[in-house]
Amino acid sequence: MSLRTWSIRIASTAAVLAIGVASAIPAAQAGNSIQLAAGQNLESVTIEDSTGMLNEQRLREALEELDFNEPTDVAVYARNGEYSDDINTKTLEFAKSSHPEWISAKPEDYGDYWADGLFIITLSIEGRGDGQIGTYFGEDRKVSESAMESIHEAGYDDFNLSRWTDGVIAVADQAAVIMNRPWYEHPALWIAGGSAGVVGAIVGGAVMHTRSKRRETFAEELRQGGLHLTNVTMDLDETELAARTLPATSQHAIELEQRFAKFMTKYRACFEAQQALESSGKKERSGYEGVRFAKEFRESAQSLDLTDDAIIAASALYTRSASWKDAWHAQTKPLEDDLAEIRELLQDVEPELMGSAAALASYREVATEQLRELSVQLEEESITVDQALDSLSALRAELTEKLDIFAQAQIEVYAESAEEKADMQSELKKSRYESRTNQNSVGTILDVLNPSSMYWRVGSYHHGYTAGVSAVTASREAASSSGGISSGYSGGGSFSGAGGSSRF
């Protein structure tokens, strides 16, 4: 999306927000939650009704009048069901067969989540006034279980009277208010605010705070991206020269040369993006789209920075230049750091994990010696650069396998249900991808040429496990306060998209 396009969207959003703030006082006096102007942020509507019970035209028109806090695609799936149906699984099966675009296509998600920006309503009709309602969310739209119960309850009265269309509209309306709701629009805040004047002041201040934080994020992403792009610019001549020296007989070198063929095109695009971001105004810097554009710029510039590091290091290794030892140390450093962190990872493990912990500890000792021997062989030229890189790759891949085994053992010890296991597994999967996008990552040849999940860093593993424990803890807390939602996907494999169903 161009800056001009999202600046228009941002200006529109700002105008709507101003209306919302201006109406804060009368809304508070009436005891109602504040609503922004209707018809905002609805990206698309898909209605799949195999029951013939929905008035599709009226439903579509009603959905198009709703305001969502962030751009959202809405899908409604109505089906004839039985009491024994698991409609979570039925919805997943329908998505796979008829709407694969509802499932995330991001490589790091492995097809285990609903697509970002998506909100699905599933209505399963079993008879007059009886059935199930399910709501499902992209990871960037998910809500707590208690919030989901509130969304479902909004439609119960209509569903019990077989007013199916009205019930779906009520569910969508409630979800539009709750999904991605800014903290300053939470109902508890309006109660605590007391008077209309206080409420208006809170809203105004909160909006200003949100915009200010976005501008700070925008500025930091732009600054970080600029640093990466400056590094690329300063190394441009060296990178081009290095790419010309890469041998045509090495598979690793050939792949890097292919990367360089697209390098300059991406560099120019990155430079143009930087200029557009630097010339953007205050409104653009305060908006969601502006921050997203700045983040994309930073990630692109960072990718170029990592790639030119890999190309320069490869040239030094293959030509045996004066800096080849430094280049090789840059390739081994990620594994060296991981081996050092294994000791800390294994401190104070539960008794049930001693076997898996012992395997990791043993690997650490063996890999440390093998890595040392590998460096000696490369220095003596008893192995080629390609052989050295392949052996290093094998060591890092073996660490990933050991961490996989350790992860499963930890999950078995901590998780108490299939749903909790799925939550922990999803956070651990994410951690593999995040290790590549971390701003402290280095541009090694192996990391640049291989998929982001191929090598699991110990630090990102620990972060993923901690996030998994937090997710399970939050789920247990939600379960203790709300027991009406059925979650999980029977037979769905590792699929763990947000959402659940309830009976009415």
Protein backbone atom coordinates (compact mmCIF):
# COMPACT_ATOMS: atom_id res chain seq x y z
CA MET A 1 0.00 0.00 0.00
CA SER A 2 1.38 3.42 -0.93
CA LEU A 3 1.80 6.20 1.60
CA ARG A 4 -0.85 8.20 -0.19
CA THR A 5 -3.37 5.39 0.07
CA TRP A 6 -2.87 4.71 3.74
CA SER A 7 -2.70 8.41 4.54
CA ILE A 8 -6.25 8.73 3.16
CA ARG A 9 -7.37 5.79 5.32
CA ILE A 10 -5.63 7.28 8.33
CA ALA A 11 -7.27 10.67 7.78
CA SER A 12 -10.66 8.98 7.61
CA THR A 13 -9.98 7.03 10.79
CA ALA A 14 -8.83 10.17 12.56
CA ALA A 15 -12.05 11.95 11.62
CA VAL A 16 -14.15 9.05 12.90
CA LEU A 17 -12.16 8.99 16.12
CA ALA A 18 -12.78 12.69 16.60
CA ILE A 19 -16.53 12.06 16.33
CA GLY A 20 -16.23 9.31 18.93
CA VAL A 21 -14.43 11.60 21.38
CA ALA A 22 -16.88 14.42 20.81
CA SER A 23 -19.78 12.10 21.63
CA ALA A 24 -18.17 10.70 24.78
CA ILE A 25 -20.12 12.89 27.21
CA PRO A 26 -23.67 12.11 26.06
CA ALA A 27 -22.82 8.45 25.61
CA ALA A 28 -21.49 8.22 29.14
CA GLN A 29 -24.54 9.99 30.51
CA ALA A 30 -26.76 7.45 28.80
CA GLY A 31 -24.78 4.62 30.40
CA ASN A 32 -23.80 3.13 27.03
CA SER A 33 -20.36 2.15 25.76
CA ILE A 34 -18.94 4.58 23.22
CA GLN A 35 -19.23 3.55 19.56
CA LEU A 36 -17.34 5.04 16.64
CA ALA A 37 -19.14 5.85 13.39
CA ALA A 38 -20.61 2.81 11.63
CA GLY A 39 -19.11 0.98 8.70
CA GLN A 40 -15.42 1.22 9.50
CA ASN A 41 -12.64 -1.35 8.96
CA LEU A 42 -14.77 -4.08 7.39
CA GLU A 43 -12.52 -5.50 4.66
CA SER A 44 -14.81 -8.21 3.27
CA VAL A 45 -17.92 -10.29 4.00
CA THR A 46 -18.29 -13.97 3.06
CA ILE A 47 -21.57 -15.77 3.73
CA GLU A 48 -21.85 -19.54 3.30
CA ASP A 49 -25.39 -20.66 4.21
CA SER A 50 -26.31 -24.28 3.49
CA THR A 51 -29.42 -24.07 5.72
CA GLY A 52 -31.44 -21.50 3.80
CA MET A 53 -32.36 -19.97 7.17
CA LEU A 54 -30.43 -16.72 6.83
CA ASN A 55 -31.59 -13.58 5.07
CA GLU A 56 -28.31 -13.02 3.28
CA GLN A 57 -29.09 -9.54 1.94
CA ARG A 58 -30.18 -8.19 5.32
CA LEU A 59 -27.24 -9.89 7.04
CA ARG A 60 -24.75 -8.46 4.59
CA GLU A 61 -26.17 -4.96 4.87
CA ALA A 62 -26.10 -5.13 8.67
CA LEU A 63 -22.50 -6.35 8.74
CA GLU A 64 -21.44 -3.56 6.43
CA GLU A 65 -22.75 -1.01 8.94
CA LEU A 66 -20.59 -2.33 11.80
CA ASP A 67 -17.43 -0.65 12.98
CA PHE A 68 -14.41 -2.85 13.72
CA ASN A 69 -11.44 -1.55 15.67
CA GLU A 70 -8.97 -2.92 13.10
CA PRO A 71 -9.39 -4.02 9.44
CA THR A 72 -11.33 -7.30 9.59
CA ASP A 73 -12.59 -9.94 7.14
CA VAL A 74 -15.88 -11.44 8.32
CA ALA A 75 -17.06 -14.92 7.32
CA VAL A 76 -20.42 -16.46 8.27
CA TYR A 77 -20.87 -20.22 7.93
CA ALA A 78 -24.35 -21.63 8.61
CA ARG A 79 -24.95 -25.40 8.59
CA ASN A 80 -27.51 -28.01 9.59
CA GLY A 81 -26.07 -29.91 12.52
CA GLU A 82 -26.56 -32.62 15.10
CA TYR A 83 -26.32 -32.37 18.88
CA SER A 84 -23.13 -34.48 18.89
CA ASP A 85 -21.31 -32.29 16.35
CA ASP A 86 -17.97 -30.73 17.24
CA ILE A 87 -18.51 -27.55 15.26
CA ASN A 88 -14.96 -26.34 15.89
CA THR A 89 -13.74 -29.30 13.86
CA LYS A 90 -16.60 -28.97 11.36
CA THR A 91 -15.61 -25.35 10.75
CA LEU A 92 -11.97 -26.30 10.25
CA GLU A 93 -12.92 -29.09 7.82
CA PHE A 94 -15.15 -26.70 5.85
CA ALA A 95 -12.38 -24.11 5.69
CA LYS A 96 -9.88 -26.66 4.40
CA SER A 97 -12.23 -27.94 1.71
CA SER A 98 -13.97 -24.74 0.61
CA HIS A 99 -12.05 -21.72 1.91
CA PRO A 100 -8.33 -22.49 2.35
CA GLU A 101 -7.72 -18.74 2.43
CA TRP A 102 -9.27 -18.74 5.91
CA ILE A 103 -6.18 -20.59 7.17
CA SER A 104 -2.94 -18.68 7.64
CA ALA A 105 -0.49 -19.10 4.76
CA LYS A 106 2.43 -17.55 6.64
CA PRO A 107 5.38 -19.99 6.62
CA GLU A 108 5.99 -19.56 10.31
CA ASP A 109 2.39 -20.59 11.13
CA TYR A 110 2.63 -24.01 9.43
CA GLY A 111 -1.09 -23.86 8.62
CA ASP A 112 -1.92 -24.11 12.33
CA TYR A 113 -3.86 -20.84 12.75
CA TRP A 114 -6.68 -18.87 11.21
CA ALA A 115 -5.59 -16.13 8.82
CA ASP A 116 -4.73 -12.73 10.28
CA GLY A 117 -7.58 -10.22 10.24
CA LEU A 118 -10.21 -12.97 10.01
CA PHE A 119 -13.36 -13.37 12.13
CA ILE A 120 -15.58 -16.41 11.50
CA ILE A 121 -19.10 -16.99 12.85
CA THR A 122 -20.37 -20.57 12.60
CA LEU A 123 -24.07 -21.19 13.22
CA SER A 124 -25.02 -24.86 13.54
CA ILE A 125 -28.81 -25.29 13.55
CA GLU A 126 -30.11 -28.50 15.14
CA GLY A 127 -33.80 -27.66 15.38
CA ARG A 128 -36.17 -24.85 16.27
CA GLY A 129 -34.34 -22.68 18.82
CA ASP A 130 -31.57 -25.25 19.31
CA GLY A 131 -28.00 -25.48 18.10
CA GLN A 132 -24.47 -24.21 18.58
CA ILE A 133 -22.66 -20.97 17.87
CA GLY A 134 -18.93 -20.78 17.22
CA THR A 135 -16.58 -17.85 16.74
CA TYR A 136 -13.02 -18.14 15.41
CA PHE A 137 -10.30 -15.54 15.13
CA GLY A 138 -7.02 -14.80 13.41
CA GLU A 139 -4.21 -14.58 15.96
CA ASP A 140 -4.29 -10.78 15.68
CA ARG A 141 -8.04 -10.72 16.43
CA LYS A 142 -8.37 -13.33 19.21
CA VAL A 143 -10.15 -12.52 22.47
CA SER A 144 -10.21 -14.07 25.93
CA GLU A 145 -12.56 -16.95 26.67
CA SER A 146 -14.75 -14.76 28.88
CA ALA A 147 -14.97 -12.20 26.07
CA MET A 148 -15.88 -14.97 23.63
CA GLU A 149 -18.67 -16.09 25.95
CA SER A 150 -19.96 -12.52 25.99
CA ILE A 151 -19.94 -12.48 22.19
CA HIS A 152 -21.94 -15.74 22.02
CA GLU A 153 -24.42 -14.65 24.67
CA ALA A 154 -25.30 -11.59 22.57
CA GLY A 155 -27.07 -13.91 20.12
CA TYR A 156 -28.65 -16.44 22.48
CA ASP A 157 -32.07 -14.75 22.85
CA ASP A 158 -32.54 -14.46 19.10
CA PHE A 159 -31.26 -17.98 18.46
CA ASN A 160 -33.63 -19.46 21.06
CA LEU A 161 -36.50 -17.81 19.15
CA SER A 162 -35.10 -19.11 15.84
CA ARG A 163 -34.34 -15.58 14.70
CA TRP A 164 -31.18 -16.82 13.08
CA THR A 165 -30.23 -13.72 11.09
CA ASP A 166 -30.79 -11.41 14.05
CA GLY A 167 -28.69 -13.66 16.25
CA VAL A 168 -25.75 -13.68 13.85
CA ILE A 169 -25.93 -9.89 13.55
CA ALA A 170 -25.95 -9.56 17.36
CA VAL A 171 -22.91 -11.84 17.64
CA ALA A 172 -21.04 -9.86 14.97
CA ASP A 173 -21.98 -6.56 16.60
CA GLN A 174 -20.67 -7.64 19.99
CA ALA A 175 -17.48 -9.02 18.44
CA ALA A 176 -16.88 -5.78 16.55
CA VAL A 177 -16.90 -3.89 19.84
CA ILE A 178 -14.63 -6.34 21.68
CA MET A 179 -12.03 -7.45 19.12
CA ASN A 180 -8.87 -5.31 19.33
CA ARG A 181 -10.72 -2.90 21.60
CA PRO A 182 -8.36 -0.15 22.82
CA TRP A 183 -7.92 -0.31 26.56
CA TYR A 184 -9.52 3.12 26.98
CA GLU A 185 -12.80 1.80 25.53
CA HIS A 186 -13.15 -0.99 28.09
CA PRO A 187 -16.52 -0.75 29.93
CA ALA A 188 -14.86 -0.82 33.35
CA LEU A 189 -13.10 2.41 32.51
CA TRP A 190 -16.37 4.21 31.82
CA ILE A 191 -17.76 3.13 35.17
CA ALA A 192 -14.61 4.20 36.97
CA GLY A 193 -14.58 7.51 35.11
CA GLY A 194 -17.55 8.76 37.12
CA SER A 195 -18.66 11.90 35.33
CA ALA A 196 -19.03 12.63 31.64
CA GLY A 197 -16.30 15.25 31.83
CA VAL A 198 -13.85 12.75 33.31
CA VAL A 199 -14.76 10.20 30.65
CA GLY A 200 -14.19 12.71 27.86
CA ALA A 201 -10.83 13.67 29.33
CA ILE A 202 -9.80 10.03 29.66
CA VAL A 203 -10.72 9.26 26.06
CA GLY A 204 -8.96 12.31 24.72
CA GLY A 205 -5.84 11.60 26.73
CA ALA A 206 -5.86 7.91 25.84
CA VAL A 207 -6.20 8.61 22.13
CA MET A 208 -3.32 11.05 22.30
CA HIS A 209 -1.27 8.48 24.19
CA THR A 210 -1.96 5.79 21.57
CA ARG A 211 -1.00 8.09 18.74
CA SER A 212 2.12 9.16 20.58
CA LYS A 213 3.19 5.54 21.12
CA ARG A 214 2.64 4.80 17.45
CA ARG A 215 4.79 7.76 16.46
CA GLU A 216 7.51 6.49 18.78
CA THR A 217 7.30 3.03 17.23
CA PHE A 218 7.30 4.53 13.74
CA ALA A 219 10.40 6.59 14.54
CA GLU A 220 12.25 3.62 16.04
CA GLU A 221 11.45 1.29 13.14
CA LEU A 222 12.55 4.00 10.71
CA ARG A 223 15.74 4.60 12.68
CA GLN A 224 16.62 0.91 12.87
CA GLY A 225 15.84 0.41 9.20
CA GLY A 226 17.95 3.43 8.33
CA LEU A 227 20.92 2.00 10.22
CA HIS A 228 20.64 -1.28 8.34
CA LEU A 229 20.28 0.51 5.02
CA THR A 230 23.31 2.68 5.79
CA ASN A 231 25.33 -0.47 6.48
CA VAL A 232 24.23 -1.89 3.15
CA THR A 233 25.12 1.33 1.34
CA MET A 234 28.58 1.51 2.91
CA ASP A 235 29.25 -2.13 2.00
CA LEU A 236 27.74 -1.94 -1.47
CA ASP A 237 30.99 -1.89 -3.44
CA GLU A 238 32.52 -4.61 -1.28
CA THR A 239 29.38 -6.73 -1.63
CA GLU A 240 29.37 -6.41 -5.41
CA LEU A 241 33.05 -7.32 -5.63
CA ALA A 242 32.57 -10.24 -3.23
CA ALA A 243 29.67 -11.59 -5.30
CA ARG A 244 31.90 -11.64 -8.40
CA THR A 245 34.50 -13.78 -6.66
CA LEU A 246 32.11 -16.52 -5.56
CA PRO A 247 33.06 -19.84 -7.22
CA ALA A 248 30.62 -21.33 -9.72
CA THR A 249 31.42 -24.84 -8.45
CA SER A 250 29.97 -24.36 -4.95
CA GLN A 251 26.25 -24.82 -4.30
CA HIS A 252 26.34 -22.40 -1.36
CA ALA A 253 28.13 -19.79 -3.47
CA ILE A 254 25.73 -20.26 -6.38
CA GLU A 255 22.73 -19.67 -4.11
CA LEU A 256 24.32 -16.52 -2.68
CA GLU A 257 25.06 -15.24 -6.17
CA GLN A 258 21.41 -15.76 -7.06
CA ARG A 259 20.45 -13.72 -4.01
CA PHE A 260 22.74 -10.93 -5.14
CA ALA A 261 21.06 -10.88 -8.55
CA LYS A 262 17.92 -9.58 -6.81
CA PHE A 263 19.87 -7.57 -4.25
CA MET A 264 20.05 -4.24 -6.11
CA THR A 265 16.34 -4.26 -6.99
CA LYS A 266 15.43 -4.75 -3.33
CA TYR A 267 17.98 -2.14 -2.30
CA ARG A 268 16.43 0.50 -4.55
CA ALA A 269 12.93 -0.35 -3.32
CA CYS A 270 14.14 -0.06 0.26
CA PHE A 271 15.73 3.31 -0.43
CA GLU A 272 12.50 4.61 -1.96
CA ALA A 273 10.52 3.35 1.03
CA GLN A 274 12.88 5.16 3.39
CA GLN A 275 12.39 8.43 1.50
CA ALA A 276 8.61 8.02 1.59
CA LEU A 277 8.63 7.31 5.32
CA GLU A 278 10.91 10.24 6.10
CA SER A 279 8.61 12.62 4.24
CA SER A 280 5.45 11.34 5.95
CA GLY A 281 3.47 13.66 8.18
CA LYS A 282 2.32 13.45 11.77
CA LYS A 283 -1.01 11.83 10.91
CA GLU A 284 0.67 9.10 8.89
CA ARG A 285 3.19 8.43 11.65
CA SER A 286 0.35 8.17 14.20
CA GLY A 287 -1.62 5.53 12.31
CA TYR A 288 -1.63 1.75 12.28
CA GLU A 289 -0.78 1.53 8.56
CA GLY A 290 2.12 3.94 8.96
CA VAL A 291 3.67 1.83 11.71
CA ARG A 292 3.17 -1.32 9.65
CA PHE A 293 4.87 0.26 6.64
CA ALA A 294 7.80 1.38 8.82
CA LYS A 295 8.16 -2.12 10.26
CA GLU A 296 8.17 -3.66 6.79
CA PHE A 297 10.89 -1.21 5.76
CA ARG A 298 13.02 -2.13 8.76
CA GLU A 299 12.61 -5.86 8.11
CA SER A 300 13.52 -5.45 4.42
CA ALA A 301 16.59 -3.35 5.19
CA GLN A 302 17.65 -5.82 7.86
CA SER A 303 17.33 -8.71 5.41
CA LEU A 304 19.59 -6.90 2.94
CA ASP A 305 22.10 -6.20 5.71
CA LEU A 306 22.23 -9.86 6.68
CA THR A 307 22.52 -10.97 3.06
CA ASP A 308 25.49 -8.74 2.24
CA ASP A 309 27.24 -9.95 5.41
CA ALA A 310 26.82 -13.54 4.18
CA ILE A 311 28.09 -12.71 0.67
CA ILE A 312 31.19 -10.91 1.99
CA ALA A 313 31.93 -13.71 4.46
CA ALA A 314 31.54 -16.35 1.75
CA SER A 315 33.96 -14.52 -0.52
CA ALA A 316 36.54 -14.35 2.27
CA LEU A 317 36.19 -18.07 2.94
CA TYR A 318 36.27 -19.27 -0.65
CA THR A 319 39.16 -17.00 -1.68
CA ARG A 320 41.04 -17.63 1.57
CA SER A 321 41.55 -13.89 2.03
CA ALA A 322 43.29 -12.34 5.04
CA SER A 323 39.96 -12.10 6.87
CA TRP A 324 38.85 -15.70 6.34
CA LYS A 325 39.29 -16.68 9.99
CA ASP A 326 37.06 -13.82 11.11
CA ALA A 327 34.52 -14.87 8.48
CA TRP A 328 34.57 -18.46 9.74
CA HIS A 329 34.20 -17.36 13.36
CA ALA A 330 31.10 -15.40 12.33
CA GLN A 331 29.64 -18.65 10.96
CA THR A 332 30.36 -20.67 14.10
CA LYS A 333 29.40 -18.00 16.66
CA PRO A 334 25.66 -18.81 16.73
CA LEU A 335 26.41 -22.44 17.62
CA GLU A 336 29.13 -21.44 20.09
CA ASP A 337 26.65 -19.15 21.84
CA ASP A 338 24.00 -21.88 21.88
CA LEU A 339 26.40 -24.41 23.40
CA ALA A 340 27.25 -21.92 26.14
CA GLU A 341 23.54 -21.30 26.86
CA ILE A 342 22.65 -25.00 27.13
CA ARG A 343 24.24 -25.16 30.57
CA GLU A 344 21.97 -22.39 31.85
CA LEU A 345 18.92 -23.93 30.14
CA LEU A 346 19.41 -27.18 32.03
CA GLN A 347 19.73 -25.67 35.48
CA ASP A 348 17.12 -26.79 38.03
CA VAL A 349 15.12 -29.02 35.64
CA GLU A 350 12.30 -31.16 36.99
CA PRO A 351 13.17 -34.79 37.89
CA GLU A 352 10.97 -36.02 35.03
CA LEU A 353 13.21 -34.18 32.56
CA MET A 354 16.54 -35.56 33.68
CA GLY A 355 16.76 -38.00 30.76
CA SER A 356 16.14 -35.35 28.08
CA ALA A 357 18.39 -32.91 29.91
CA ALA A 358 21.19 -35.48 29.98
CA ALA A 359 20.90 -35.93 26.20
CA LEU A 360 21.26 -32.18 25.68
CA ALA A 361 24.22 -32.01 28.04
CA SER A 362 25.90 -34.89 26.23
CA TYR A 363 25.32 -33.21 22.89
CA ARG A 364 26.92 -30.05 24.23
CA GLU A 365 30.16 -31.86 25.07
CA VAL A 366 30.33 -33.75 21.77
CA ALA A 367 29.39 -30.73 19.63
CA THR A 368 31.96 -28.52 21.37
CA GLU A 369 34.73 -30.96 20.44
CA GLN A 370 33.43 -31.49 16.91
CA LEU A 371 33.22 -27.75 16.30
CA ARG A 372 36.81 -27.30 17.47
CA GLU A 373 37.98 -30.12 15.19
CA LEU A 374 36.04 -28.66 12.28
CA SER A 375 37.84 -25.34 12.60
CA VAL A 376 41.22 -27.11 12.73
CA GLN A 377 40.44 -29.10 9.58
CA LEU A 378 39.38 -25.96 7.71
CA GLU A 379 42.56 -24.17 8.73
CA GLU A 380 44.66 -27.14 7.58
CA GLU A 381 42.62 -27.24 4.35
CA SER A 382 41.93 -30.93 4.85
CA ILE A 383 38.27 -30.13 4.13
CA THR A 384 36.67 -27.65 1.72
CA VAL A 385 34.58 -24.65 2.69
CA ASP A 386 31.45 -26.45 1.50
CA GLN A 387 32.27 -29.47 3.63
CA ALA A 388 32.88 -27.26 6.64
CA LEU A 389 29.57 -25.44 6.14
CA ASP A 390 27.69 -28.71 5.65
CA SER A 391 29.20 -30.16 8.84
CA LEU A 392 28.34 -26.98 10.74
CA SER A 393 24.80 -27.18 9.39
CA ALA A 394 24.54 -30.79 10.60
CA LEU A 395 25.64 -29.77 14.11
CA ARG A 396 23.07 -26.97 14.27
CA ALA A 397 20.35 -29.23 12.88
CA GLU A 398 21.20 -31.84 15.52
CA LEU A 399 20.82 -29.20 18.22
CA THR A 400 17.39 -28.39 16.82
CA GLU A 401 16.42 -32.07 17.04
CA LYS A 402 17.62 -32.25 20.66
CA LEU A 403 15.65 -29.12 21.52
CA ASP A 404 12.58 -30.66 19.85
CA ILE A 405 12.85 -33.72 22.08
CA PHE A 406 13.43 -31.57 25.16
CA ALA A 407 10.44 -29.41 24.24
CA GLN A 408 8.12 -32.39 24.00
CA ALA A 409 9.33 -33.63 27.37
CA GLN A 410 8.73 -30.22 28.95
CA ILE A 411 5.27 -30.01 27.41
CA GLU A 412 4.33 -33.45 28.72
CA VAL A 413 5.39 -32.41 32.22
CA TYR A 414 3.65 -29.02 32.28
CA ALA A 415 0.55 -29.32 30.06
CA GLU A 416 -2.57 -30.98 31.45
CA SER A 417 -4.67 -31.33 28.30
CA ALA A 418 -4.44 -31.57 24.52
CA GLU A 419 -5.41 -27.90 24.24
CA GLU A 420 -2.62 -26.83 26.59
CA LYS A 421 -0.14 -28.92 24.65
CA ALA A 422 -1.25 -27.25 21.42
CA ASP A 423 -0.86 -23.79 23.00
CA MET A 424 2.68 -24.54 24.11
CA GLN A 425 3.62 -26.11 20.79
CA SER A 426 2.37 -23.07 18.88
CA GLU A 427 4.45 -20.66 20.97
CA LEU A 428 7.55 -22.82 20.52
CA LYS A 429 7.00 -22.92 16.76
CA LYS A 430 6.75 -19.14 16.65
CA SER A 431 10.01 -18.83 18.54
CA ARG A 432 11.92 -20.49 15.69
CA TYR A 433 10.77 -17.85 13.22
CA GLU A 434 11.32 -14.96 15.59
CA SER A 435 14.99 -15.85 16.04
CA ARG A 436 15.55 -14.86 12.40
CA THR A 437 13.72 -11.53 12.64
CA ASN A 438 15.39 -10.57 15.90
CA GLN A 439 17.26 -7.30 15.41
CA ASN A 440 20.34 -8.81 17.04
CA SER A 441 20.55 -11.67 14.50
CA VAL A 442 23.69 -12.08 12.41
CA GLY A 443 24.04 -12.68 8.68
CA THR A 444 25.61 -16.11 8.54
CA ILE A 445 25.70 -18.03 5.28
CA LEU A 446 23.58 -20.86 6.68
CA ASP A 447 20.94 -18.57 8.19
CA VAL A 448 20.57 -16.53 5.00
CA LEU A 449 20.28 -19.56 2.72
CA ASN A 450 18.03 -21.79 4.83
CA PRO A 451 14.42 -21.54 6.09
CA SER A 452 13.97 -19.55 9.29
CA SER A 453 12.84 -22.60 11.28
CA MET A 454 15.71 -24.90 10.28
CA TYR A 455 18.00 -23.90 13.14
CA TRP A 456 16.52 -23.38 16.58
CA ARG A 457 18.52 -21.06 18.79
CA VAL A 458 18.63 -21.88 22.51
CA GLY A 459 17.69 -18.32 23.45
CA SER A 460 14.60 -18.28 21.22
CA TYR A 461 13.68 -21.77 22.45
CA HIS A 462 13.71 -20.51 26.04
CA HIS A 463 11.61 -17.51 25.02
CA GLY A 464 9.11 -19.79 23.25
CA TYR A 465 8.79 -22.12 26.21
CA THR A 466 8.25 -19.19 28.58
CA ALA A 467 5.58 -17.78 26.25
CA GLY A 468 3.95 -21.23 26.12
CA VAL A 469 3.77 -21.43 29.90
CA SER A 470 2.25 -17.94 29.98
CA ALA A 471 -0.36 -18.91 27.38
CA VAL A 472 -1.35 -21.99 29.36
CA THR A 473 -1.54 -19.99 32.58
CA ALA A 474 -3.80 -17.42 30.92
CA SER A 475 -5.99 -20.19 29.52
CA ARG A 476 -6.35 -21.82 32.95
CA GLU A 477 -7.30 -18.49 34.49
CA ALA A 478 -9.89 -17.91 31.78
CA ALA A 479 -11.29 -21.42 32.24
CA SER A 480 -11.73 -20.81 35.96
CA SER A 481 -13.91 -17.78 35.25
CA SER A 482 -15.83 -19.03 32.22
CA GLY A 483 -16.93 -22.60 31.63
CA GLY A 484 -19.32 -22.22 28.70
CA ILE A 485 -16.87 -22.34 25.78
CA SER A 486 -15.72 -25.52 24.08
CA SER A 487 -12.34 -25.08 22.41
CA GLY A 488 -9.94 -27.29 20.48
CA TYR A 489 -10.22 -29.17 17.19
CA SER A 490 -10.78 -32.93 17.39
CA GLY A 491 -8.74 -34.62 14.69
CA GLY A 492 -7.35 -31.26 13.62
CA GLY A 493 -3.75 -32.36 14.09
CA SER A 494 -1.63 -29.50 15.33
CA PHE A 495 -4.20 -26.86 14.35
CA SER A 496 -4.69 -24.48 17.26
CA GLY A 497 -6.43 -21.43 15.84
CA ALA A 498 -8.18 -19.16 18.34
CA GLY A 499 -11.88 -19.68 18.90
CA GLY A 500 -14.53 -21.93 20.38
CA SER A 501 -18.19 -22.83 20.46
CA SER A 502 -21.12 -22.98 22.88
CA ARG A 503 -24.70 -24.25 22.95
CA PHE A 504 -27.83 -22.12 23.02
